[in-house]
Protein backbone atom coordinates (compact mmCIF):
# COMPACT_ATOMS: atom_id res chain seq x y z
CA MET A 1 49.80 3.24 19.25
CA PRO A 2 50.54 -0.44 19.88
CA TYR A 3 52.13 -1.16 23.21
CA TYR A 4 54.56 -4.07 22.60
CA CYS A 5 54.38 -4.58 18.81
CA SER A 6 54.45 -2.12 15.82
CA SER A 7 51.30 -1.34 13.92
CA GLY A 8 53.15 -2.78 10.94
CA ALA A 9 53.36 -6.20 12.69
CA ILE A 10 49.47 -6.20 13.11
CA VAL A 11 48.87 -5.44 9.49
CA LEU A 12 51.49 -8.06 8.44
CA LYS A 13 49.81 -10.68 10.37
CA ALA A 14 46.43 -9.90 9.01
CA GLY A 15 47.77 -10.70 5.68
CA LYS A 16 48.16 -8.80 2.40
CA ASN A 17 44.42 -9.12 1.61
CA CYS A 18 43.12 -7.33 4.65
CA ASN A 19 41.04 -4.17 4.46
CA GLN A 20 43.78 -1.64 3.42
CA THR A 21 41.75 1.28 4.67
CA ALA A 22 41.51 -0.18 8.21
CA ALA A 23 45.15 -1.31 7.98
CA ALA A 24 46.13 2.34 7.23
CA SER A 25 43.96 3.90 10.07
CA GLY A 26 45.91 4.78 13.11
CA ALA A 27 42.64 4.92 15.11
CA VAL A 28 41.63 1.45 14.04
CA ILE A 29 44.92 -0.12 14.65
CA ASP A 30 45.26 1.74 18.06
CA GLN A 31 41.66 0.35 19.11
CA PHE A 32 42.76 -3.22 18.00
CA SER A 33 45.92 -2.96 20.00
CA GLN A 34 44.25 -1.61 23.08
CA ASP A 35 41.47 -4.34 22.81
CA ALA A 36 44.43 -6.94 22.49
CA MET A 37 46.27 -5.78 25.48
CA GLY A 38 43.18 -5.61 27.69
CA TYR A 39 42.52 -9.28 26.66
CA ILE A 40 46.06 -10.22 27.40
CA ASN A 41 45.96 -8.46 30.76
CA ALA A 42 42.68 -10.11 31.83
CA ARG A 43 43.85 -13.64 30.62
CA THR A 44 47.24 -13.38 32.37
CA ARG A 45 45.86 -11.60 35.40
CA PHE A 46 48.72 -9.03 35.20
CA ASP A 47 48.73 -5.43 33.96
CA TRP A 48 51.72 -5.60 31.36
CA ILE A 49 51.05 -2.13 30.23
CA ALA A 50 51.63 -0.54 33.69
CA ASN A 51 54.60 -2.75 34.23
CA SER A 52 56.24 -2.71 30.87
CA GLY A 53 59.44 -1.24 32.12
CA ALA A 54 60.01 -4.33 34.44
CA VAL A 55 59.64 -6.92 31.55
CA GLY A 56 63.02 -8.34 30.39
CA THR A 57 63.84 -7.80 26.64
CA ASN A 58 63.60 -11.53 25.90
CA PHE A 59 60.02 -11.86 27.22
CA LYS A 60 58.87 -8.88 25.40
CA PHE A 61 58.83 -10.84 22.24
CA SER A 62 56.08 -13.12 23.62
CA LEU A 63 54.07 -10.12 24.51
CA GLN A 64 54.68 -8.70 21.03
CA ASP A 65 53.49 -11.86 19.46
CA ALA A 66 50.40 -12.10 21.48
CA GLU A 67 49.43 -8.61 20.90
CA SER A 68 50.09 -8.51 17.18
CA SER A 69 48.27 -11.81 16.63
CA ILE A 70 45.41 -10.91 18.63
CA ALA A 71 45.16 -7.45 17.02
CA GLY A 72 45.77 -9.08 13.50
CA ILE A 73 42.73 -11.34 14.13
CA MET A 74 40.55 -8.29 14.60
CA LEU A 75 42.08 -6.50 11.75
CA ALA A 76 41.21 -9.47 9.56
CA THR A 77 37.70 -9.88 10.94
CA TYR A 78 37.11 -6.05 10.55
CA ASP A 79 36.20 -6.78 6.72
CA PRO A 80 37.07 -10.17 5.48
CA SER A 81 35.68 -9.71 1.95
CA GLY A 82 39.14 -8.78 0.57
CA TYR A 83 40.51 -12.38 1.13
CA THR A 84 40.59 -14.38 -1.88
CA SER A 85 38.54 -17.22 -0.13
CA ARG A 86 36.88 -18.16 3.15
CA SER A 87 39.55 -20.79 3.63
CA GLU A 88 42.40 -18.13 3.33
CA TYR A 89 40.68 -15.97 5.81
CA GLU A 90 40.05 -18.98 8.24
CA ASP A 91 43.76 -20.18 7.90
CA ILE A 92 44.94 -16.77 8.92
CA ILE A 93 42.51 -16.60 11.90
CA ASN A 94 43.49 -20.09 13.02
CA VAL A 95 47.25 -19.54 12.63
CA LEU A 96 47.04 -16.25 14.55
CA TRP A 97 44.87 -17.73 17.31
CA ASP A 98 47.48 -20.59 17.69
CA ARG A 99 50.29 -18.20 18.05
CA ALA A 100 48.32 -16.00 20.48
CA GLU A 101 47.40 -18.95 22.62
CA GLY A 102 51.17 -20.15 22.76
CA ALA A 103 52.27 -16.72 23.69
CA LEU A 104 49.71 -16.31 26.33
CA LYS A 105 50.51 -19.58 27.97
CA VAL A 106 54.13 -18.40 28.35
CA ILE A 107 53.35 -14.94 29.73
CA ALA A 108 50.73 -16.28 32.21
CA ASP A 109 53.14 -18.78 33.72
CA GLU A 110 53.53 -17.59 37.22
CA LYS A 111 57.14 -19.23 37.24
CA LEU A 112 58.19 -17.40 34.00
CA LYS A 113 56.63 -14.13 35.38
CA THR A 114 59.31 -14.16 37.97
CA LYS A 115 62.02 -14.91 35.30
CA MET A 116 60.52 -11.96 33.27
CA GLY A 117 61.30 -9.66 36.09
CA VAL A 118 57.67 -9.23 37.17
CA SER A 119 55.70 -10.84 39.96
CA THR A 120 52.05 -10.75 40.86
């Protein structure tokens, strides 16, 4: 089960041409979500899963965006053969990576962590 976002958000971000078998698999989506949150925790040097109750509602949106974007990339790369072209696939990956990087900058900022209700 995804931590901060819904499984639907992950599938939506991967695009309508992502592998539908993987998109419908709870196990696949769960694994991608866990991998995404592990990456987020490592990049931001904070355990967002263990401290989820302390995060203010407004900042959870940045965590949702980061998690769903990173997991969406994983879903898209699971089997890119369904995309209509390589450029469609690459555009999705690039947009999601840009969104993830922007969200990671916000949640990694030490001053903002204090405003989020968490501190390291």
